[in-house]
């Protein structure tokens, strides 16, 4: 198979979410956690911080930062508050019909 014939990760995810309801449910369930993870990783890399340095800055442990960056489990409101206080990051959260998402400010 040629490299040009390979699907992108977005195409694979799109196909799976259309054809596999179990995958779709899990993808939707972890959307909020993935968005928070992306923001944490972006902040950390832009500020040239290790997970340990970020953890110290926000009053958490490195293992908590690693878990947050994995995007597997949604963070609590208390965790978002700690991140915001320690970094200045903003999280505008919308909760509607059982779904949680970060919205544009």
PDB file of N, CA and C in Angstrom:
ATOM      1  N   UNK A   1       0.842  -1.174   0.000  1.00  0.00           N
ATOM      2  CA  UNK A   1       0.000   0.000   0.000  1.00  0.00           C
ATOM      3  C   UNK A   1       0.889   1.239   0.000  1.00  0.00           C
ATOM      4  N   UNK A   2       0.526   2.186  -0.824  1.00  0.00           N
ATOM      5  CA  UNK A   2       1.271   3.437  -0.896  1.00  0.00           C
ATOM      6  C   UNK A   2       0.878   4.345   0.268  1.00  0.00           C
ATOM      7  N   UNK A   3       1.821   5.156   0.669  1.00  0.00           N
ATOM      8  CA  UNK A   3       1.553   6.093   1.767  1.00  0.00           C
ATOM      9  C   UNK A   3       0.365   6.994   1.434  1.00  0.00           C
ATOM     10  N   UNK A   4       0.245   7.392   0.177  1.00  0.00           N
ATOM     11  CA  UNK A   4      -0.848   8.278  -0.236  1.00  0.00           C
ATOM     12  C   UNK A   4      -2.211   7.606  -0.125  1.00  0.00           C
ATOM     13  N   UNK A   5      -2.224   6.281  -0.029  1.00  0.00           N
ATOM     14  CA  UNK A   5      -3.487   5.546   0.094  1.00  0.00           C
ATOM     15  C   UNK A   5      -3.924   5.370   1.546  1.00  0.00           C
ATOM     16  N   UNK A   6      -3.037   5.685   2.467  1.00  0.00           N
ATOM     17  CA  UNK A   6      -3.364   5.541   3.885  1.00  0.00           C
ATOM     18  C   UNK A   6      -4.364   6.606   4.319  1.00  0.00           C
ATOM     19  N   UNK A   7      -5.268   6.213   5.199  1.00  0.00           N
ATOM     20  CA  UNK A   7      -6.234   7.163   5.741  1.00  0.00           C
ATOM     21  C   UNK A   7      -5.591   7.966   6.865  1.00  0.00           C
ATOM     22  N   UNK A   8      -6.059   9.184   7.025  1.00  0.00           N
ATOM     23  CA  UNK A   8      -5.614   9.987   8.159  1.00  0.00           C
ATOM     24  C   UNK A   8      -6.301   9.478   9.419  1.00  0.00           C
ATOM     25  N   UNK A   9      -5.784   9.869  10.563  1.00  0.00           N
ATOM     26  CA  UNK A   9      -6.421   9.454  11.818  1.00  0.00           C
ATOM     27  C   UNK A   9      -7.848   9.982  11.895  1.00  0.00           C
ATOM     28  N   UNK A  10      -8.079  11.180  11.387  1.00  0.00           N
ATOM     29  CA  UNK A  10      -9.438  11.743  11.397  1.00  0.00           C
ATOM     30  C   UNK A  10     -10.384  10.912  10.528  1.00  0.00           C
ATOM     31  N   UNK A  11      -9.891  10.413   9.395  1.00  0.00           N
ATOM     32  CA  UNK A  11     -10.726   9.571   8.537  1.00  0.00           C
ATOM     33  C   UNK A  11     -11.057   8.249   9.230  1.00  0.00           C
ATOM     34  N   UNK A  12     -10.075   7.658   9.883  1.00  0.00           N
ATOM     35  CA  UNK A  12     -10.299   6.402  10.600  1.00  0.00           C
ATOM     36  C   UNK A  12     -11.309   6.611  11.719  1.00  0.00           C
ATOM     37  N   UNK A  13     -11.151   7.679  12.479  1.00  0.00           N
ATOM     38  CA  UNK A  13     -12.083   7.979  13.570  1.00  0.00           C
ATOM     39  C   UNK A  13     -13.476   8.239  13.019  1.00  0.00           C
ATOM     40  N   UNK A  14     -13.564   8.991  11.926  1.00  0.00           N
ATOM     41  CA  UNK A  14     -14.860   9.265  11.307  1.00  0.00           C
ATOM     42  C   UNK A  14     -15.556   7.993  10.865  1.00  0.00           C
ATOM     43  N   UNK A  15     -14.820   7.101  10.220  1.00  0.00           N
ATOM     44  CA  UNK A  15     -15.387   5.821   9.786  1.00  0.00           C
ATOM     45  C   UNK A  15     -15.866   5.009  10.981  1.00  0.00           C
ATOM     46  N   UNK A  16     -15.030   4.918  12.001  1.00  0.00           N
ATOM     47  CA  UNK A  16     -15.387   4.128  13.183  1.00  0.00           C
ATOM     48  C   UNK A  16     -16.599   4.710  13.893  1.00  0.00           C
ATOM     49  N   UNK A  17     -16.668   6.029  13.992  1.00  0.00           N
ATOM     50  CA  UNK A  17     -17.790   6.635  14.721  1.00  0.00           C
ATOM     51  C   UNK A  17     -19.101   6.492  13.957  1.00  0.00           C
ATOM     52  N   UNK A  18     -19.030   6.399  12.641  1.00  0.00           N
ATOM     53  CA  UNK A  18     -20.256   6.205  11.854  1.00  0.00           C
ATOM     54  C   UNK A  18     -20.749   4.763  11.898  1.00  0.00           C
ATOM     55  N   UNK A  19     -19.823   3.813  12.003  1.00  0.00           N
ATOM     56  CA  UNK A  19     -20.191   2.406  11.864  1.00  0.00           C
ATOM     57  C   UNK A  19     -20.174   1.610  13.164  1.00  0.00           C
ATOM     58  N   UNK A  20     -19.655   2.169  14.221  1.00  0.00           N
ATOM     59  CA  UNK A  20     -19.521   1.432  15.474  1.00  0.00           C
ATOM     60  C   UNK A  20     -20.101   2.256  16.624  1.00  0.00           C
ATOM     61  N   UNK A  21     -21.331   1.932  17.042  1.00  0.00           N
ATOM     62  CA  UNK A  21     -21.970   2.724  18.097  1.00  0.00           C
ATOM     63  C   UNK A  21     -21.226   2.676  19.435  1.00  0.00           C
ATOM     64  N   UNK A  22     -20.544   1.586  19.724  1.00  0.00           N
ATOM     65  CA  UNK A  22     -19.781   1.495  20.972  1.00  0.00           C
ATOM     66  C   UNK A  22     -18.594   2.458  20.916  1.00  0.00           C
ATOM     67  N   UNK A  23     -17.897   2.474  19.784  1.00  0.00           N
ATOM     68  CA  UNK A  23     -16.788   3.416  19.606  1.00  0.00           C
ATOM     69  C   UNK A  23     -17.301   4.841  19.722  1.00  0.00           C
ATOM     70  N   UNK A  24     -18.416   5.126  19.064  1.00  0.00           N
ATOM     71  CA  UNK A  24     -18.976   6.482  19.065  1.00  0.00           C
ATOM     72  C   UNK A  24     -19.316   6.936  20.479  1.00  0.00           C
ATOM     73  N   UNK A  25     -19.921   6.052  21.253  1.00  0.00           N
ATOM     74  CA  UNK A  25     -20.293   6.398  22.629  1.00  0.00           C
ATOM     75  C   UNK A  25     -19.048   6.715  23.465  1.00  0.00           C
ATOM     76  N   UNK A  26     -18.002   5.913  23.319  1.00  0.00           N
ATOM     77  CA  UNK A  26     -16.762   6.148  24.071  1.00  0.00           C
ATOM     78  C   UNK A  26     -16.073   7.423  23.592  1.00  0.00           C
ATOM     79  N   UNK A  27     -16.074   7.664  22.286  1.00  0.00           N
ATOM     80  CA  UNK A  27     -15.471   8.873  21.721  1.00  0.00           C
ATOM     81  C   UNK A  27     -16.182  10.111  22.277  1.00  0.00           C
ATOM     82  N   UNK A  28     -17.503  10.070  22.289  1.00  0.00           N
ATOM     83  CA  UNK A  28     -18.278  11.195  22.813  1.00  0.00           C
ATOM     84  C   UNK A  28     -18.053  11.375  24.314  1.00  0.00           C
ATOM     85  N   UNK A  29     -17.975  10.258  25.044  1.00  0.00           N
ATOM     86  CA  UNK A  29     -17.796  10.315  26.496  1.00  0.00           C
ATOM     87  C   UNK A  29     -16.471  10.973  26.869  1.00  0.00           C
ATOM     88  N   UNK A  30     -15.451  10.771  26.068  1.00  0.00           N
ATOM     89  CA  UNK A  30     -14.129  11.291  26.409  1.00  0.00           C
ATOM     90  C   UNK A  30     -13.782  12.601  25.693  1.00  0.00           C
ATOM     91  N   UNK A  31     -14.712  13.185  24.964  1.00  0.00           N
ATOM     92  CA  UNK A  31     -14.426  14.414  24.201  1.00  0.00           C
ATOM     93  C   UNK A  31     -13.958  15.556  25.107  1.00  0.00           C
ATOM     94  N   UNK A  32     -14.641  15.764  26.214  1.00  0.00           N
ATOM     95  CA  UNK A  32     -14.276  16.834  27.141  1.00  0.00           C
ATOM     96  C   UNK A  32     -12.871  16.601  27.703  1.00  0.00           C
ATOM     97  N   UNK A  33     -12.607  15.380  28.123  1.00  0.00           N
ATOM     98  CA  UNK A  33     -11.291  15.050  28.683  1.00  0.00           C
ATOM     99  C   UNK A  33     -10.188  15.255  27.652  1.00  0.00           C
ATOM    100  N   UNK A  34     -10.455  14.896  26.399  1.00  0.00           N
ATOM    101  CA  UNK A  34      -9.450  15.090  25.347  1.00  0.00           C
ATOM    102  C   UNK A  34      -9.177  16.567  25.108  1.00  0.00           C
ATOM    103  N   UNK A  35     -10.213  17.387  25.148  1.00  0.00           N
ATOM    104  CA  UNK A  35     -10.037  18.828  24.936  1.00  0.00           C
ATOM    105  C   UNK A  35      -9.199  19.440  26.063  1.00  0.00           C
ATOM    106  N   UNK A  36      -9.488  19.053  27.292  1.00  0.00           N
ATOM    107  CA  UNK A  36      -8.692  19.543  28.425  1.00  0.00           C
ATOM    108  C   UNK A  36      -7.248  19.067  28.273  1.00  0.00           C
ATOM    109  N   UNK A  37      -7.062  17.814  27.898  1.00  0.00           N
ATOM    110  CA  UNK A  37      -5.713  17.268  27.712  1.00  0.00           C
ATOM    111  C   UNK A  37      -4.931  18.069  26.678  1.00  0.00           C
ATOM    112  N   UNK A  38      -5.563  18.376  25.565  1.00  0.00           N
ATOM    113  CA  UNK A  38      -4.891  19.153  24.516  1.00  0.00           C
ATOM    114  C   UNK A  38      -4.466  20.524  25.026  1.00  0.00           C
ATOM    115  N   UNK A  39      -5.329  21.146  25.814  1.00  0.00           N
ATOM    116  CA  UNK A  39      -4.998  22.472  26.351  1.00  0.00           C
ATOM    117  C   UNK A  39      -3.835  22.409  27.339  1.00  0.00           C
ATOM    118  N   UNK A  40      -3.826  21.378  28.159  1.00  0.00           N
ATOM    119  CA  UNK A  40      -2.740  21.236  29.136  1.00  0.00           C
ATOM    120  C   UNK A  40      -1.411  20.993  28.420  1.00  0.00           C
ATOM    121  N   UNK A  41      -1.421  20.093  27.461  1.00  0.00           N
ATOM    122  CA  UNK A  41      -0.190  19.804  26.715  1.00  0.00           C
ATOM    123  C   UNK A  41       0.289  21.055  25.981  1.00  0.00           C
ATOM    124  N   UNK A  42      -0.634  21.782  25.361  1.00  0.00           N
ATOM    125  CA  UNK A  42      -0.260  23.006  24.645  1.00  0.00           C
ATOM    126  C   UNK A  42       0.351  24.023  25.604  1.00  0.00           C
ATOM    127  N   UNK A  43      -0.287  24.224  26.755  1.00  0.00           N
ATOM    128  CA  UNK A  43       0.243  25.175  27.741  1.00  0.00           C
ATOM    129  C   UNK A  43       1.642  24.755  28.184  1.00  0.00           C
ATOM    130  N   UNK A  44       1.772  23.481  28.494  1.00  0.00           N
ATOM    131  CA  UNK A  44       3.038  22.982  29.020  1.00  0.00           C
ATOM    132  C   UNK A  44       4.159  23.120  27.991  1.00  0.00           C
ATOM    133  N   UNK A  45       3.876  22.779  26.738  1.00  0.00           N
ATOM    134  CA  UNK A  45       4.922  22.865  25.715  1.00  0.00           C
ATOM    135  C   UNK A  45       5.241  24.316  25.354  1.00  0.00           C
ATOM    136  N   UNK A  46       4.214  25.163  25.283  1.00  0.00           N
ATOM    137  CA  UNK A  46       4.453  26.580  24.982  1.00  0.00           C
ATOM    138  C   UNK A  46       5.300  27.253  26.060  1.00  0.00           C
ATOM    139  N   UNK A  47       5.159  26.778  27.284  1.00  0.00           N
ATOM    140  CA  UNK A  47       5.902  27.357  28.402  1.00  0.00           C
ATOM    141  C   UNK A  47       7.133  26.531  28.779  1.00  0.00           C
ATOM    142  N   UNK A  48       7.441  25.562  27.955  1.00  0.00           N
ATOM    143  CA  UNK A  48       8.624  24.707  28.132  1.00  0.00           C
ATOM    144  C   UNK A  48       8.701  24.120  29.542  1.00  0.00           C
ATOM    145  N   UNK A  49       7.582  23.551  29.976  1.00  0.00           N
ATOM    146  CA  UNK A  49       7.509  22.941  31.302  1.00  0.00           C
ATOM    147  C   UNK A  49       7.453  21.424  31.182  1.00  0.00           C
ATOM    148  N   UNK A  50       8.075  20.746  32.108  1.00  0.00           N
ATOM    149  CA  UNK A  50       7.891  19.304  32.224  1.00  0.00           C
ATOM    150  C   UNK A  50       6.576  19.063  32.954  1.00  0.00           C
ATOM    151  N   UNK A  51       6.126  17.821  32.951  1.00  0.00           N
ATOM    152  CA  UNK A  51       4.930  17.499  33.735  1.00  0.00           C
ATOM    153  C   UNK A  51       5.175  17.798  35.212  1.00  0.00           C
ATOM    154  N   UNK A  52       6.357  17.505  35.692  1.00  0.00           N
ATOM    155  CA  UNK A  52       6.691  17.751  37.100  1.00  0.00           C
ATOM    156  C   UNK A  52       6.668  19.238  37.419  1.00  0.00           C
ATOM    157  N   UNK A  53       7.232  20.054  36.535  1.00  0.00           N
ATOM    158  CA  UNK A  53       7.245  21.506  36.768  1.00  0.00           C
ATOM    159  C   UNK A  53       5.829  22.069  36.755  1.00  0.00           C
ATOM    160  N   UNK A  54       5.007  21.611  35.829  1.00  0.00           N
ATOM    161  CA  UNK A  54       3.614  22.074  35.794  1.00  0.00           C
ATOM    162  C   UNK A  54       2.883  21.622  37.053  1.00  0.00           C
ATOM    163  N   UNK A  55       3.113  20.396  37.460  1.00  0.00           N
ATOM    164  CA  UNK A  55       2.466  19.879  38.669  1.00  0.00           C
ATOM    165  C   UNK A  55       2.798  20.750  39.881  1.00  0.00           C
ATOM    166  N   UNK A  56       4.053  21.113  40.032  1.00  0.00           N
ATOM    167  CA  UNK A  56       4.449  21.986  41.151  1.00  0.00           C
ATOM    168  C   UNK A  56       3.750  23.334  41.063  1.00  0.00           C
ATOM    169  N   UNK A  57       3.677  23.860  39.868  1.00  0.00           N
ATOM    170  CA  UNK A  57       3.077  25.181  39.638  1.00  0.00           C
ATOM    171  C   UNK A  57       1.601  25.217  40.038  1.00  0.00           C
ATOM    172  N   UNK A  58       0.889  24.111  39.830  1.00  0.00           N
ATOM    173  CA  UNK A  58      -0.550  24.090  40.097  1.00  0.00           C
ATOM    174  C   UNK A  58      -0.923  23.316  41.364  1.00  0.00           C
ATOM    175  N   UNK A  59       0.066  22.795  42.078  1.00  0.00           N
ATOM    176  CA  UNK A  59      -0.214  22.085  43.325  1.00  0.00           C
ATOM    177  C   UNK A  59      -0.771  20.690  43.140  1.00  0.00           C
ATOM    178  N   UNK A  60      -0.266  19.991  42.149  1.00  0.00           N
ATOM    179  CA  UNK A  60      -0.671  18.609  41.887  1.00  0.00           C
ATOM    180  C   UNK A  60       0.588  17.750  41.809  1.00  0.00           C
ATOM    181  N   UNK A  61       0.398  16.469  41.596  1.00  0.00           N
ATOM    182  CA  UNK A  61       1.541  15.585  41.383  1.00  0.00           C
ATOM    183  C   UNK A  61       1.738  15.369  39.886  1.00  0.00           C
ATOM    184  N   UNK A  62       2.930  14.918  39.531  1.00  0.00           N
ATOM    185  CA  UNK A  62       3.223  14.633  38.126  1.00  0.00           C
ATOM    186  C   UNK A  62       2.281  13.564  37.591  1.00  0.00           C
ATOM    187  N   UNK A  63       1.942  12.583  38.412  1.00  0.00           N
ATOM    188  CA  UNK A  63       1.063  11.507  37.938  1.00  0.00           C
ATOM    189  C   UNK A  63      -0.337  12.029  37.610  1.00  0.00           C
ATOM    190  N   UNK A  64      -0.805  13.034  38.340  1.00  0.00           N
ATOM    191  CA  UNK A  64      -2.109  13.636  38.030  1.00  0.00           C
ATOM    192  C   UNK A  64      -2.035  14.357  36.687  1.00  0.00           C
ATOM    193  N   UNK A  65      -0.964  15.099  36.455  1.00  0.00           N
ATOM    194  CA  UNK A  65      -0.798  15.785  35.169  1.00  0.00           C
ATOM    195  C   UNK A  65      -0.748  14.757  34.039  1.00  0.00           C
ATOM    196  N   UNK A  66      -0.020  13.672  34.234  1.00  0.00           N
ATOM    197  CA  UNK A  66       0.065  12.621  33.210  1.00  0.00           C
ATOM    198  C   UNK A  66      -1.310  12.036  32.914  1.00  0.00           C
ATOM    199  N   UNK A  67      -2.095  11.793  33.960  1.00  0.00           N
ATOM    200  CA  UNK A  67      -3.455  11.259  33.761  1.00  0.00           C
ATOM    201  C   UNK A  67      -4.321  12.249  33.000  1.00  0.00           C
ATOM    202  N   UNK A  68      -4.228  13.529  33.360  1.00  0.00           N
ATOM    203  CA  UNK A  68      -5.007  14.550  32.661  1.00  0.00           C
ATOM    204  C   UNK A  68      -4.610  14.613  31.190  1.00  0.00           C
ATOM    205  N   UNK A  69      -3.313  14.532  30.921  1.00  0.00           N
ATOM    206  CA  UNK A  69      -2.832  14.609  29.546  1.00  0.00           C
ATOM    207  C   UNK A  69      -3.198  13.378  28.724  1.00  0.00           C
ATOM    208  N   UNK A  70      -3.518  12.275  29.375  1.00  0.00           N
ATOM    209  CA  UNK A  70      -3.918  11.073  28.631  1.00  0.00           C
ATOM    210  C   UNK A  70      -5.293  11.263  27.994  1.00  0.00           C
ATOM    211  N   UNK A  71      -6.122  12.127  28.588  1.00  0.00           N
ATOM    212  CA  UNK A  71      -7.443  12.398  28.029  1.00  0.00           C
ATOM    213  C   UNK A  71      -8.443  11.276  28.184  1.00  0.00           C
ATOM    214  N   UNK A  72      -8.172  10.343  29.084  1.00  0.00           N
ATOM    215  CA  UNK A  72      -9.072   9.201  29.259  1.00  0.00           C
ATOM    216  C   UNK A  72     -10.251   9.484  30.186  1.00  0.00           C
ATOM    217  N   UNK A  73     -10.021  10.293  31.213  1.00  0.00           N
ATOM    218  CA  UNK A  73     -11.054  10.575  32.207  1.00  0.00           C
ATOM    219  C   UNK A  73     -11.239  12.076  32.343  1.00  0.00           C
ATOM    220  N   UNK A  74     -12.484  12.532  32.428  1.00  0.00           N
ATOM    221  CA  UNK A  74     -12.714  13.975  32.557  1.00  0.00           C
ATOM    222  C   UNK A  74     -12.253  14.498  33.917  1.00  0.00           C
ATOM    223  N   UNK A  75     -11.661  15.682  33.933  1.00  0.00           N
ATOM    224  CA  UNK A  75     -11.228  16.272  35.197  1.00  0.00           C
ATOM    225  C   UNK A  75     -12.416  16.821  35.979  1.00  0.00           C
ATOM    226  N   UNK A  76     -12.240  16.920  37.281  1.00  0.00           N
ATOM    227  CA  UNK A  76     -13.279  17.524  38.117  1.00  0.00           C
ATOM    228  C   UNK A  76     -13.217  19.043  37.980  1.00  0.00           C
ATOM    229  N   UNK A  77     -14.267  19.701  38.427  1.00  0.00           N
ATOM    230  CA  UNK A  77     -14.280  21.166  38.441  1.00  0.00           C
ATOM    231  C   UNK A  77     -13.151  21.674  39.339  1.00  0.00           C
ATOM    232  N   UNK A  78     -12.927  21.012  40.477  1.00  0.00           N
ATOM    233  CA  UNK A  78     -11.850  21.418  41.389  1.00  0.00           C
ATOM    234  C   UNK A  78     -10.486  21.352  40.696  1.00  0.00           C
ATOM    235  N   UNK A  79     -10.283  20.352  39.867  1.00  0.00           N
ATOM    236  CA  UNK A  79      -9.025  20.235  39.124  1.00  0.00           C
ATOM    237  C   UNK A  79      -8.886  21.366  38.121  1.00  0.00           C
ATOM    238  N   UNK A  80      -9.970  21.687  37.420  1.00  0.00           N
ATOM    239  CA  UNK A  80      -9.930  22.800  36.465  1.00  0.00           C
ATOM    240  C   UNK A  80      -9.630  24.117  37.182  1.00  0.00           C
ATOM    241  N   UNK A  81     -10.190  24.286  38.374  1.00  0.00           N
ATOM    242  CA  UNK A  81      -9.933  25.501  39.160  1.00  0.00           C
ATOM    243  C   UNK A  81      -8.450  25.588  39.521  1.00  0.00           C
ATOM    244  N   UNK A  82      -7.863  24.491  39.977  1.00  0.00           N
ATOM    245  CA  UNK A  82      -6.429  24.488  40.304  1.00  0.00           C
ATOM    246  C   UNK A  82      -5.585  24.842  39.083  1.00  0.00           C
ATOM    247  N   UNK A  83      -5.912  24.237  37.947  1.00  0.00           N
ATOM    248  CA  UNK A  83      -5.168  24.528  36.719  1.00  0.00           C
ATOM    249  C   UNK A  83      -5.295  25.999  36.344  1.00  0.00           C
ATOM    250  N   UNK A  84      -6.494  26.531  36.457  1.00  0.00           N
ATOM    251  CA  UNK A  84      -6.736  27.924  36.097  1.00  0.00           C
ATOM    252  C   UNK A  84      -5.993  28.880  37.030  1.00  0.00           C
ATOM    253  N   UNK A  85      -6.076  28.616  38.336  1.00  0.00           N
ATOM    254  CA  UNK A  85      -5.385  29.477  39.311  1.00  0.00           C
ATOM    255  C   UNK A  85      -3.876  29.457  39.108  1.00  0.00           C
ATOM    256  N   UNK A  86      -3.331  28.291  38.862  1.00  0.00           N
ATOM    257  CA  UNK A  86      -1.886  28.153  38.764  1.00  0.00           C
ATOM    258  C   UNK A  86      -1.283  28.585  37.446  1.00  0.00           C
ATOM    259  N   UNK A  87      -2.100  28.615  36.394  1.00  0.00           N
ATOM    260  CA  UNK A  87      -1.557  28.888  35.059  1.00  0.00           C
ATOM    261  C   UNK A  87      -2.186  30.079  34.354  1.00  0.00           C
ATOM    262  N   UNK A  88      -3.385  30.459  34.791  1.00  0.00           N
ATOM    263  CA  UNK A  88      -4.114  31.501  34.074  1.00  0.00           C
ATOM    264  C   UNK A  88      -4.932  30.954  32.913  1.00  0.00           C
ATOM    265  N   UNK A  89      -4.885  29.629  32.725  1.00  0.00           N
ATOM    266  CA  UNK A  89      -5.692  29.018  31.665  1.00  0.00           C
ATOM    267  C   UNK A  89      -7.167  29.246  31.975  1.00  0.00           C
ATOM    268  N   UNK A  90      -7.967  29.394  30.924  1.00  0.00           N
ATOM    269  CA  UNK A  90      -9.407  29.577  31.097  1.00  0.00           C
ATOM    270  C   UNK A  90     -10.144  28.383  30.514  1.00  0.00           C
ATOM    271  N   UNK A  91     -11.161  27.943  31.232  1.00  0.00           N
ATOM    272  CA  UNK A  91     -12.007  26.842  30.791  1.00  0.00           C
ATOM    273  C   UNK A  91     -13.453  27.308  30.874  1.00  0.00           C
ATOM    274  N   UNK A  92     -14.069  27.589  29.745  1.00  0.00           N
ATOM    275  CA  UNK A  92     -15.484  27.928  29.707  1.00  0.00           C
ATOM    276  C   UNK A  92     -16.232  26.636  29.412  1.00  0.00           C
ATOM    277  N   UNK A  93     -16.958  26.150  30.417  1.00  0.00           N
ATOM    278  CA  UNK A  93     -17.574  24.831  30.345  1.00  0.00           C
ATOM    279  C   UNK A  93     -19.079  24.958  30.167  1.00  0.00           C
ATOM    280  N   UNK A  94     -19.617  24.142  29.275  1.00  0.00           N
ATOM    281  CA  UNK A  94     -21.066  24.080  29.064  1.00  0.00           C
ATOM    282  C   UNK A  94     -21.517  22.658  29.385  1.00  0.00           C
ATOM    283  N   UNK A  95     -22.557  22.562  30.205  1.00  0.00           N
ATOM    284  CA  UNK A  95     -23.144  21.267  30.524  1.00  0.00           C
ATOM    285  C   UNK A  95     -24.578  21.303  30.020  1.00  0.00           C
ATOM    286  N   UNK A  96     -24.891  20.394  29.114  1.00  0.00           N
ATOM    287  CA  UNK A  96     -26.216  20.382  28.509  1.00  0.00           C
ATOM    288  C   UNK A  96     -26.610  18.958  28.149  1.00  0.00           C
ATOM    289  N   UNK A  97     -27.782  18.542  28.618  1.00  0.00           N
ATOM    290  CA  UNK A  97     -28.320  17.216  28.303  1.00  0.00           C
ATOM    291  C   UNK A  97     -27.336  16.093  28.603  1.00  0.00           C
ATOM    292  N   UNK A  98     -26.622  16.243  29.707  1.00  0.00           N
ATOM    293  CA  UNK A  98     -25.694  15.207  30.133  1.00  0.00           C
ATOM    294  C   UNK A  98     -24.331  15.258  29.483  1.00  0.00           C
ATOM    295  N   UNK A  99     -24.127  16.172  28.557  1.00  0.00           N
ATOM    296  CA  UNK A  99     -22.828  16.298  27.890  1.00  0.00           C
ATOM    297  C   UNK A  99     -22.080  17.496  28.454  1.00  0.00           C
ATOM    298  N   UNK A 100     -20.774  17.366  28.557  1.00  0.00           N
ATOM    299  CA  UNK A 100     -19.916  18.442  29.037  1.00  0.00           C
ATOM    300  C   UNK A 100     -18.973  18.812  27.911  1.00  0.00           C
ATOM    301  N   UNK A 101     -18.840  20.111  27.655  1.00  0.00           N
ATOM    302  CA  UNK A 101     -17.917  20.541  26.610  1.00  0.00           C
ATOM    303  C   UNK A 101     -17.293  21.877  26.977  1.00  0.00           C
ATOM    304  N   UNK A 102     -16.150  22.138  26.388  1.00  0.00           N
ATOM    305  CA  UNK A 102     -15.510  23.440  26.525  1.00  0.00           C
ATOM    306  C   UNK A 102     -15.981  24.274  25.347  1.00  0.00           C
ATOM    307  N   UNK A 103     -16.434  25.486  25.645  1.00  0.00           N
ATOM    308  CA  UNK A 103     -16.937  26.367  24.591  1.00  0.00           C
ATOM    309  C   UNK A 103     -15.978  27.532  24.396  1.00  0.00           C
ATOM    310  N   UNK A 104     -16.052  28.128  23.239  1.00  0.00           N
ATOM    311  CA  UNK A 104     -15.216  29.297  22.955  1.00  0.00           C
ATOM    312  C   UNK A 104     -15.656  30.449  23.843  1.00  0.00           C
ATOM    313  N   UNK A 105     -14.693  31.170  24.369  1.00  0.00           N
ATOM    314  CA  UNK A 105     -14.999  32.299  25.262  1.00  0.00           C
ATOM    315  C   UNK A 105     -15.508  33.481  24.471  1.00  0.00           C
TER     316      UNK A 105
END
